[in-house]
PDB file of N, CA and C in Angstrom:
ATOM      1  N   MET A   1     127.897  98.966  63.967  1.00  0.00           N
ATOM      2  CA  MET A   1     127.474  99.223  65.310  1.00  0.00           C
ATOM      3  C   MET A   1     126.168  99.543  65.630  1.00  0.00           C
ATOM      4  N   VAL A   2     125.605  99.164  66.771  1.00  0.00           N
ATOM      5  CA  VAL A   2     124.283  99.412  67.151  1.00  0.00           C
ATOM      6  C   VAL A   2     124.300 100.111  68.388  1.00  0.00           C
ATOM      7  N   THR A   3     123.112 100.811  68.715  1.00  0.00           N
ATOM      8  CA  THR A   3     123.109 101.592  69.974  1.00  0.00           C
ATOM      9  C   THR A   3     121.700 101.191  70.664  1.00  0.00           C
ATOM     10  N   LEU A   4     121.915 100.917  71.931  1.00  0.00           N
ATOM     11  CA  LEU A   4     120.809 100.769  72.856  1.00  0.00           C
ATOM     12  C   LEU A   4     120.427 102.243  73.455  1.00  0.00           C
ATOM     13  N   ARG A   5     119.263 102.570  73.022  1.00  0.00           N
ATOM     14  CA  ARG A   5     118.773 103.892  73.758  1.00  0.00           C
ATOM     15  C   ARG A   5     117.754 103.592  74.836  1.00  0.00           C
ATOM     16  N   VAL A   6     118.072 104.141  75.931  1.00  0.00           N
ATOM     17  CA  VAL A   6     117.167 104.079  77.084  1.00  0.00           C
ATOM     18  C   VAL A   6     116.723 105.507  77.659  1.00  0.00           C
ATOM     19  N   GLU A   7     115.523 105.638  77.766  1.00  0.00           N
ATOM     20  CA  GLU A   7     115.063 106.839  78.480  1.00  0.00           C
ATOM     21  C   GLU A   7     114.276 106.366  79.622  1.00  0.00           C
ATOM     22  N   LEU A   8     114.581 107.139  80.793  1.00  0.00           N
ATOM     23  CA  LEU A   8     113.886 106.784  82.017  1.00  0.00           C
ATOM     24  C   LEU A   8     113.773 108.145  82.931  1.00  0.00           C
ATOM     25  N   LYS A   9     112.642 108.004  83.774  1.00  0.00           N
ATOM     26  CA  LYS A   9     112.481 109.006  84.755  1.00  0.00           C
ATOM     27  C   LYS A   9     113.053 108.628  86.029  1.00  0.00           C
ATOM     28  N   VAL A  10     113.691 109.598  86.736  1.00  0.00           N
ATOM     29  CA  VAL A  10     114.243 109.407  87.949  1.00  0.00           C
ATOM     30  C   VAL A  10     113.885 110.419  89.072  1.00  0.00           C
ATOM     31  N   ARG A  11     113.769 110.033  90.176  1.00  0.00           N
ATOM     32  CA  ARG A  11     113.371 110.895  91.224  1.00  0.00           C
ATOM     33  C   ARG A  11     114.463 111.803  91.691  1.00  0.00           C
ATOM     34  N   ASN A  12     115.585 111.457  91.479  1.00  0.00           N
ATOM     35  CA  ASN A  12     116.757 112.233  91.898  1.00  0.00           C
ATOM     36  C   ASN A  12     117.967 111.793  90.977  1.00  0.00           C
ATOM     37  N   TYR A  13     118.507 112.829  90.328  1.00  0.00           N
ATOM     38  CA  TYR A  13     119.642 112.479  89.328  1.00  0.00           C
ATOM     39  C   TYR A  13     120.919 112.137  90.131  1.00  0.00           C
ATOM     40  N   ASP A  14     121.258 112.680  91.162  1.00  0.00           N
ATOM     41  CA  ASP A  14     122.651 112.309  91.945  1.00  0.00           C
ATOM     42  C   ASP A  14     122.404 110.765  92.381  1.00  0.00           C
ATOM     43  N   LEU A  15     121.175 110.557  92.914  1.00  0.00           N
ATOM     44  CA  LEU A  15     121.070 109.087  93.451  1.00  0.00           C
ATOM     45  C   LEU A  15     121.107 108.151  92.148  1.00  0.00           C
ATOM     46  N   TRP A  16     120.546 108.460  91.175  1.00  0.00           N
ATOM     47  CA  TRP A  16     120.534 107.620  89.862  1.00  0.00           C
ATOM     48  C   TRP A  16     122.046 107.573  89.385  1.00  0.00           C
ATOM     49  N   ARG A  17     122.761 108.535  89.242  1.00  0.00           N
ATOM     50  CA  ARG A  17     124.139 108.569  88.896  1.00  0.00           C
ATOM     51  C   ARG A  17     125.020 107.687  89.749  1.00  0.00           C
ATOM     52  N   THR A  18     124.806 107.695  91.105  1.00  0.00           N
ATOM     53  CA  THR A  18     125.660 106.833  92.062  1.00  0.00           C
ATOM     54  C   THR A  18     125.217 105.492  91.674  1.00  0.00           C
ATOM     55  N   ALA A  19     124.038 105.082  91.417  1.00  0.00           N
ATOM     56  CA  ALA A  19     123.663 103.726  91.091  1.00  0.00           C
ATOM     57  C   ALA A  19     124.332 103.415  89.725  1.00  0.00           C
ATOM     58  N   PHE A  20     124.249 104.283  88.767  1.00  0.00           N
ATOM     59  CA  PHE A  20     124.767 104.042  87.442  1.00  0.00           C
ATOM     60  C   PHE A  20     126.392 103.755  87.496  1.00  0.00           C
ATOM     61  N   GLU A  21     127.017 104.400  88.336  1.00  0.00           N
ATOM     62  CA  GLU A  21     128.470 104.181  88.509  1.00  0.00           C
ATOM     63  C   GLU A  21     128.850 102.887  89.193  1.00  0.00           C
ATOM     64  N   ARG A  22     127.838 102.163  89.918  1.00  0.00           N
ATOM     65  CA  ARG A  22     128.005 100.887  90.436  1.00  0.00           C
ATOM     66  C   ARG A  22     128.107  99.809  89.404  1.00  0.00           C
ATOM     67  N   ASP A  23     127.275 100.123  88.253  1.00  0.00           N
ATOM     68  CA  ASP A  23     127.346  99.254  87.065  1.00  0.00           C
ATOM     69  C   ASP A  23     126.715  97.963  87.405  1.00  0.00           C
ATOM     70  N   SER A  24     125.798  97.801  87.961  1.00  0.00           N
ATOM     71  CA  SER A  24     125.100  96.544  88.278  1.00  0.00           C
ATOM     72  C   SER A  24     124.863  95.648  87.080  1.00  0.00           C
ATOM     73  N   GLY A  25     124.578  96.212  85.964  1.00  0.00           N
ATOM     74  CA  GLY A  25     124.283  95.568  84.684  1.00  0.00           C
ATOM     75  C   GLY A  25     125.529  94.983  84.012  1.00  0.00           C
ATOM     76  N   GLY A  26     126.766  95.445  84.358  1.00  0.00           N
ATOM     77  CA  GLY A  26     127.976  95.052  83.848  1.00  0.00           C
ATOM     78  C   GLY A  26     128.239  95.433  82.384  1.00  0.00           C
ATOM     79  N   ARG A  27     128.360  96.789  82.066  1.00  0.00           N
ATOM     80  CA  ARG A  27     128.515  97.336  80.752  1.00  0.00           C
ATOM     81  C   ARG A  27     129.798  96.726  80.203  1.00  0.00           C
ATOM     82  N   ARG A  28     130.826  96.820  80.828  1.00  0.00           N
ATOM     83  CA  ARG A  28     132.166  96.269  80.301  1.00  0.00           C
ATOM     84  C   ARG A  28     132.041  94.829  79.933  1.00  0.00           C
ATOM     85  N   GLN A  29     131.479  94.160  80.900  1.00  0.00           N
ATOM     86  CA  GLN A  29     131.280  92.609  80.720  1.00  0.00           C
ATOM     87  C   GLN A  29     130.440  92.282  79.441  1.00  0.00           C
ATOM     88  N   ALA A  30     129.433  93.205  79.272  1.00  0.00           N
ATOM     89  CA  ALA A  30     128.428  92.974  78.204  1.00  0.00           C
ATOM     90  C   ALA A  30     129.040  93.580  76.940  1.00  0.00           C
ATOM     91  N   GLU A  31     130.389  94.081  76.881  1.00  0.00           N
ATOM     92  CA  GLU A  31     131.001  94.403  75.622  1.00  0.00           C
ATOM     93  C   GLU A  31     130.471  95.764  75.112  1.00  0.00           C
ATOM     94  N   MET A  32     130.013  96.576  75.984  1.00  0.00           N
ATOM     95  CA  MET A  32     129.415  97.949  75.706  1.00  0.00           C
ATOM     96  C   MET A  32     130.846  98.640  75.195  1.00  0.00           C
ATOM     97  N   ARG A  33     130.844  99.265  74.214  1.00  0.00           N
ATOM     98  CA  ARG A  33     131.987 100.028  73.659  1.00  0.00           C
ATOM     99  C   ARG A  33     132.154 101.419  74.286  1.00  0.00           C
ATOM    100  N   GLY A  34     131.081 102.003  74.586  1.00  0.00           N
ATOM    101  CA  GLY A  34     130.933 103.415  75.248  1.00  0.00           C
ATOM    102  C   GLY A  34     129.520 103.869  75.431  1.00  0.00           C
ATOM    103  N   TYR A  35     129.327 104.892  76.148  1.00  0.00           N
ATOM    104  CA  TYR A  35     127.991 105.321  76.406  1.00  0.00           C
ATOM    105  C   TYR A  35     128.018 106.869  76.287  1.00  0.00           C
ATOM    106  N   ARG A  36     126.800 107.469  76.294  1.00  0.00           N
ATOM    107  CA  ARG A  36     126.598 108.951  76.318  1.00  0.00           C
ATOM    108  C   ARG A  36     125.295 109.055  77.268  1.00  0.00           C
ATOM    109  N   ILE A  37     125.378 110.002  78.043  1.00  0.00           N
ATOM    110  CA  ILE A  37     124.122 110.350  78.959  1.00  0.00           C
ATOM    111  C   ILE A  37     123.678 111.741  78.489  1.00  0.00           C
ATOM    112  N   TYR A  38     122.410 111.865  78.409  1.00  0.00           N
ATOM    113  CA  TYR A  38     121.762 113.144  78.015  1.00  0.00           C
ATOM    114  C   TYR A  38     120.675 113.496  79.226  1.00  0.00           C
ATOM    115  N   ARG A  39     120.303 114.779  79.254  1.00  0.00           N
ATOM    116  CA  ARG A  39     119.210 115.214  80.071  1.00  0.00           C
ATOM    117  C   ARG A  39     118.457 116.350  79.382  1.00  0.00           C
ATOM    118  N   PRO A  40     117.318 116.241  79.175  1.00  0.00           N
ATOM    119  CA  PRO A  40     116.527 117.333  78.521  1.00  0.00           C
ATOM    120  C   PRO A  40     116.805 118.708  79.496  1.00  0.00           C
ATOM    121  N   ILE A  41     116.912 119.827  78.779  1.00  0.00           N
ATOM    122  CA  ILE A  41     117.105 121.012  79.420  1.00  0.00           C
ATOM    123  C   ILE A  41     115.801 121.490  80.287  1.00  0.00           C
ATOM    124  N   ASP A  42     114.690 120.893  79.867  1.00  0.00           N
ATOM    125  CA  ASP A  42     113.513 121.214  80.532  1.00  0.00           C
ATOM    126  C   ASP A  42     112.766 120.256  81.401  1.00  0.00           C
ATOM    127  N   ASP A  43     113.510 119.127  81.676  1.00  0.00           N
ATOM    128  CA  ASP A  43     112.990 118.037  82.484  1.00  0.00           C
ATOM    129  C   ASP A  43     114.126 117.358  83.242  1.00  0.00           C
ATOM    130  N   HIS A  44     114.343 117.923  84.394  1.00  0.00           N
ATOM    131  CA  HIS A  44     115.429 117.397  85.368  1.00  0.00           C
ATOM    132  C   HIS A  44     115.167 115.870  85.744  1.00  0.00           C
ATOM    133  N   MET A  45     113.923 115.468  85.595  1.00  0.00           N
ATOM    134  CA  MET A  45     113.697 114.025  86.040  1.00  0.00           C
ATOM    135  C   MET A  45     113.833 113.020  85.013  1.00  0.00           C
ATOM    136  N   CYS A  46     114.347 113.479  83.806  1.00  0.00           N
ATOM    137  CA  CYS A  46     114.563 112.528  82.707  1.00  0.00           C
ATOM    138  C   CYS A  46     116.042 112.351  82.368  1.00  0.00           C
ATOM    139  N   VAL A  47     116.437 111.020  82.213  1.00  0.00           N
ATOM    140  CA  VAL A  47     117.749 110.724  81.795  1.00  0.00           C
ATOM    141  C   VAL A  47     117.655 109.818  80.497  1.00  0.00           C
ATOM    142  N   MET A  48     118.384 110.093  79.546  1.00  0.00           N
ATOM    143  CA  MET A  48     118.511 109.301  78.334  1.00  0.00           C
ATOM    144  C   MET A  48     120.068 108.817  78.292  1.00  0.00           C
ATOM    145  N   ILE A  49     120.137 107.604  77.935  1.00  0.00           N
ATOM    146  CA  ILE A  49     121.462 106.943  77.842  1.00  0.00           C
ATOM    147  C   ILE A  49     121.420 106.288  76.471  1.00  0.00           C
ATOM    148  N   GLU A  50     122.679 106.418  75.818  1.00  0.00           N
ATOM    149  CA  GLU A  50     123.063 105.555  74.593  1.00  0.00           C
ATOM    150  C   GLU A  50     124.216 104.796  74.881  1.00  0.00           C
ATOM    151  N   GLY A  51     124.123 103.429  74.711  1.00  0.00           N
ATOM    152  CA  GLY A  51     125.183 102.683  74.898  1.00  0.00           C
ATOM    153  C   GLY A  51     125.556 101.868  73.386  1.00  0.00           C
ATOM    154  N   ASP A  52     126.678 101.899  73.090  1.00  0.00           N
ATOM    155  CA  ASP A  52     127.188 101.249  71.722  1.00  0.00           C
ATOM    156  C   ASP A  52     127.604  99.966  71.916  1.00  0.00           C
ATOM    157  N   PHE A  53     127.259  99.046  70.957  1.00  0.00           N
ATOM    158  CA  PHE A  53     127.614  97.671  70.859  1.00  0.00           C
ATOM    159  C   PHE A  53     128.127  97.230  69.473  1.00  0.00           C
ATOM    160  N   ASP A  54     128.873  96.352  69.354  1.00  0.00           N
ATOM    161  CA  ASP A  54     129.317  95.868  68.008  1.00  0.00           C
ATOM    162  C   ASP A  54     128.138  95.187  67.347  1.00  0.00           C
ATOM    163  N   ARG A  55     127.302  94.451  68.036  1.00  0.00           N
ATOM    164  CA  ARG A  55     126.148  93.639  67.487  1.00  0.00           C
ATOM    165  C   ARG A  55     124.912  93.792  68.217  1.00  0.00           C
ATOM    166  N   ALA A  56     123.885  93.675  67.494  1.00  0.00           N
ATOM    167  CA  ALA A  56     122.352  93.710  68.009  1.00  0.00           C
ATOM    168  C   ALA A  56     122.267  92.661  69.207  1.00  0.00           C
ATOM    169  N   SER A  57     122.830  91.547  69.027  1.00  0.00           N
ATOM    170  CA  SER A  57     122.576  90.488  69.940  1.00  0.00           C
ATOM    171  C   SER A  57     123.352  90.828  71.219  1.00  0.00           C
ATOM    172  N   LYS A  58     124.405  91.526  71.330  1.00  0.00           N
ATOM    173  CA  LYS A  58     125.022  91.939  72.555  1.00  0.00           C
ATOM    174  C   LYS A  58     124.227  93.044  73.229  1.00  0.00           C
ATOM    175  N   ALA A  59     123.590  93.955  72.478  1.00  0.00           N
ATOM    176  CA  ALA A  59     122.827  95.133  73.069  1.00  0.00           C
ATOM    177  C   ALA A  59     121.552  94.445  73.673  1.00  0.00           C
ATOM    178  N   GLN A  60     120.986  93.424  72.855  1.00  0.00           N
ATOM    179  CA  GLN A  60     119.807  92.786  73.467  1.00  0.00           C
ATOM    180  C   GLN A  60     120.117  92.001  74.738  1.00  0.00           C
ATOM    181  N   THR A  61     121.135  91.251  74.877  1.00  0.00           N
ATOM    182  CA  THR A  61     121.617  90.516  76.005  1.00  0.00           C
ATOM    183  C   THR A  61     121.714  91.554  77.068  1.00  0.00           C
ATOM    184  N   PHE A  62     122.410  92.535  76.857  1.00  0.00           N
ATOM    185  CA  PHE A  62     122.492  93.732  77.959  1.00  0.00           C
ATOM    186  C   PHE A  62     121.202  94.240  78.421  1.00  0.00           C
ATOM    187  N   LEU A  63     120.365  94.500  77.449  1.00  0.00           N
ATOM    188  CA  LEU A  63     118.965  94.942  77.862  1.00  0.00           C
ATOM    189  C   LEU A  63     118.148  93.942  78.642  1.00  0.00           C
ATOM    190  N   ASP A  64     118.356  92.752  78.306  1.00  0.00           N
ATOM    191  CA  ASP A  64     117.536  91.759  79.040  1.00  0.00           C
ATOM    192  C   ASP A  64     118.194  91.591  80.513  1.00  0.00           C
ATOM    193  N   ILE A  65     119.387  91.681  80.697  1.00  0.00           N
ATOM    194  CA  ILE A  65     120.048  91.840  81.960  1.00  0.00           C
ATOM    195  C   ILE A  65     119.507  93.035  82.858  1.00  0.00           C
ATOM    196  N   MET A  66     119.364  94.252  82.137  1.00  0.00           N
ATOM    197  CA  MET A  66     118.748  95.378  82.843  1.00  0.00           C
ATOM    198  C   MET A  66     117.404  95.097  83.251  1.00  0.00           C
ATOM    199  N   ARG A  67     116.684  94.490  82.364  1.00  0.00           N
ATOM    200  CA  ARG A  67     115.218  94.341  82.621  1.00  0.00           C
ATOM    201  C   ARG A  67     115.052  93.338  83.726  1.00  0.00           C
ATOM    202  N   THR A  68     115.818  92.265  83.743  1.00  0.00           N
ATOM    203  CA  THR A  68     115.477  91.124  84.671  1.00  0.00           C
ATOM    204  C   THR A  68     116.273  91.267  86.037  1.00  0.00           C
ATOM    205  N   THR A  69     117.440  91.903  86.039  1.00  0.00           N
ATOM    206  CA  THR A  69     118.345  91.818  87.190  1.00  0.00           C
ATOM    207  C   THR A  69     118.396  93.220  87.795  1.00  0.00           C
ATOM    208  N   VAL A  70     118.512  94.283  87.058  1.00  0.00           N
ATOM    209  CA  VAL A  70     118.628  95.644  87.543  1.00  0.00           C
ATOM    210  C   VAL A  70     117.456  96.423  87.863  1.00  0.00           C
ATOM    211  N   TRP A  71     116.648  96.775  86.849  1.00  0.00           N
ATOM    212  CA  TRP A  71     115.494  97.665  86.957  1.00  0.00           C
ATOM    213  C   TRP A  71     114.487  97.141  87.905  1.00  0.00           C
ATOM    214  N   ASN A  72     114.321  95.908  88.036  1.00  0.00           N
ATOM    215  CA  ASN A  72     113.271  95.513  89.160  1.00  0.00           C
ATOM    216  C   ASN A  72     113.801  95.304  90.501  1.00  0.00           C
ATOM    217  N   ASP A  73     115.085  95.806  90.762  1.00  0.00           N
ATOM    218  CA  ASP A  73     115.651  95.593  91.958  1.00  0.00           C
ATOM    219  C   ASP A  73     115.763  97.018  92.646  1.00  0.00           C
ATOM    220  N   PRO A  74     114.953  97.418  93.525  1.00  0.00           N
ATOM    221  CA  PRO A  74     115.058  98.760  94.137  1.00  0.00           C
ATOM    222  C   PRO A  74     116.488  99.177  94.744  1.00  0.00           C
ATOM    223  N   GLU A  75     117.259  98.117  95.206  1.00  0.00           N
ATOM    224  CA  GLU A  75     118.707  98.403  95.633  1.00  0.00           C
ATOM    225  C   GLU A  75     119.533  98.866  94.460  1.00  0.00           C
ATOM    226  N   LYS A  76     119.283  98.275  93.344  1.00  0.00           N
ATOM    227  CA  LYS A  76     120.251  98.446  92.056  1.00  0.00           C
ATOM    228  C   LYS A  76     119.799  99.728  91.304  1.00  0.00           C
ATOM    229  N   ALA A  77     118.462  99.967  91.410  1.00  0.00           N
ATOM    230  CA  ALA A  77     117.954 101.079  90.655  1.00  0.00           C
ATOM    231  C   ALA A  77     117.102 101.935  91.561  1.00  0.00           C
ATOM    232  N   PRO A  78     117.631 102.647  92.617  1.00  0.00           N
ATOM    233  CA  PRO A  78     116.851 103.195  93.729  1.00  0.00           C
ATOM    234  C   PRO A  78     116.199 104.465  93.180  1.00  0.00           C
ATOM    235  N   ALA A  79     116.629 105.090  92.101  1.00  0.00           N
ATOM    236  CA  ALA A  79     116.019 106.368  91.737  1.00  0.00           C
ATOM    237  C   ALA A  79     114.979 106.222  90.430  1.00  0.00           C
ATOM    238  N   LYS A  80     114.942 105.033  89.835  1.00  0.00           N
ATOM    239  CA  LYS A  80     114.090 104.845  88.667  1.00  0.00           C
ATOM    240  C   LYS A  80     112.547 105.048  88.995  1.00  0.00           C
ATOM    241  N   ILE A  81     111.946 105.631  88.145  1.00  0.00           N
ATOM    242  CA  ILE A  81     110.492 105.770  88.307  1.00  0.00           C
ATOM    243  C   ILE A  81     109.932 105.093  87.112  1.00  0.00           C
ATOM    244  N   GLY A  82     109.035 104.061  87.214  1.00  0.00           N
ATOM    245  CA  GLY A  82     108.213 103.466  86.206  1.00  0.00           C
ATOM    246  C   GLY A  82     109.248 102.575  85.273  1.00  0.00           C
ATOM    247  N   ALA A  83     108.775 102.223  84.083  1.00  0.00           N
ATOM    248  CA  ALA A  83     109.432 101.399  83.156  1.00  0.00           C
ATOM    249  C   ALA A  83     110.158 102.194  82.157  1.00  0.00           C
ATOM    250  N   PRO A  84     111.489 102.061  82.028  1.00  0.00           N
ATOM    251  CA  PRO A  84     112.211 102.752  80.967  1.00  0.00           C
ATOM    252  C   PRO A  84     111.729 102.444  79.505  1.00  0.00           C
ATOM    253  N   LYS A  85     111.775 103.467  78.706  1.00  0.00           N
ATOM    254  CA  LYS A  85     111.532 103.184  77.296  1.00  0.00           C
ATOM    255  C   LYS A  85     112.912 102.849  76.672  1.00  0.00           C
ATOM    256  N   THR A  86     112.839 101.919  75.783  1.00  0.00           N
ATOM    257  CA  THR A  86     114.091 101.304  75.150  1.00  0.00           C
ATOM    258  C   THR A  86     114.021 101.017  73.723  1.00  0.00           C
ATOM    259  N   HIS A  87     115.051 101.246  73.071  1.00  0.00           N
ATOM    260  CA  HIS A  87     115.240 100.891  71.528  1.00  0.00           C
ATOM    261  C   HIS A  87     116.649 100.378  71.309  1.00  0.00           C
ATOM    262  N   ILE A  88     116.685  99.451  70.471  1.00  0.00           N
ATOM    263  CA  ILE A  88     118.063  98.999  69.788  1.00  0.00           C
ATOM    264  C   ILE A  88     118.022  99.532  68.535  1.00  0.00           C
ATOM    265  N   VAL A  89     118.867 100.664  68.076  1.00  0.00           N
ATOM    266  CA  VAL A  89     118.786 101.295  66.860  1.00  0.00           C
ATOM    267  C   VAL A  89     120.114 101.035  66.118  1.00  0.00           C
ATOM    268  N   GLU A  90     120.099 101.134  64.794  1.00  0.00           N
ATOM    269  CA  GLU A  90     121.225 101.184  63.968  1.00  0.00           C
ATOM    270  C   GLU A  90     121.256 102.435  63.079  1.00  0.00           C
ATOM    271  N   LEU A  91     122.470 102.900  62.918  1.00  0.00           N
ATOM    272  CA  LEU A  91     122.524 104.331  62.132  1.00  0.00           C
ATOM    273  C   LEU A  91     122.232 103.985  60.772  1.00  0.00           C
ATOM    274  N   VAL A  92     121.440 104.590  60.137  1.00  0.00           N
ATOM    275  CA  VAL A  92     120.963 104.419  58.796  1.00  0.00           C
ATOM    276  C   VAL A  92     121.662 105.521  57.859  1.00  0.00           C
ATOM    277  N   GLU A  93     121.770 106.801  58.396  1.00  0.00           N
ATOM    278  CA  GLU A  93     122.286 107.782  57.589  1.00  0.00           C
ATOM    279  C   GLU A  93     122.749 108.932  58.517  1.00  0.00           C
ATOM    280  N   SER A  94     123.929 109.438  58.039  1.00  0.00           N
ATOM    281  CA  SER A  94     124.445 110.641  58.995  1.00  0.00           C
ATOM    282  C   SER A  94     124.992 111.735  57.860  1.00  0.00           C
ATOM    283  N   HIS A  95     124.925 113.036  58.253  1.00  0.00           N
ATOM    284  CA  HIS A  95     125.424 113.982  57.402  1.00  0.00           C
ATOM    285  C   HIS A  95     125.858 115.062  58.266  1.00  0.00           C
ATOM    286  N   ASP A  96     127.086 115.700  58.020  1.00  0.00           N
ATOM    287  CA  ASP A  96     127.503 116.810  58.642  1.00  0.00           C
ATOM    288  C   ASP A  96     127.434 118.014  57.686  1.00  0.00           C
ATOM    289  N   TYR A  97     127.097 119.144  58.282  1.00  0.00           N
ATOM    290  CA  TYR A  97     127.029 120.342  57.449  1.00  0.00           C
ATOM    291  C   TYR A  97     128.444 121.315  57.798  1.00  0.00           C
ATOM    292  N   ASP A  98     129.085 121.623  56.742  1.00  0.00           N
ATOM    293  CA  ASP A  98     130.193 122.454  56.877  1.00  0.00           C
ATOM    294  C   ASP A  98     129.706 123.881  57.142  1.00  0.00           C
ATOM    295  N   GLU A  99     130.604 124.713  57.767  1.00  0.00           N
ATOM    296  CA  GLU A  99     130.378 126.034  57.968  1.00  0.00           C
ATOM    297  C   GLU A  99     130.705 126.804  56.728  1.00  0.00           C
TER     298      GLU A  99
END
């Protein structure tokens, strides 16, 4: 599994969330398995999203759609400020500590 990580600045979280729910990029059609949304506790204008895919090529295709069709359209991305930072990452190692 690979994860597409996106960090972006937004002018208003509620406006961003409404646009996110419209799913202009087609997460399900792009075969995204699931996603997580994070917000830094000290920066209310920052949103981080992690979306999981079975293959890097699926994540790249979805990212290309976001870049060409969604993020450059003010109607589809009304709250976005500037260019999002993105990475397609693969888990290399994980460890849990028991109590």
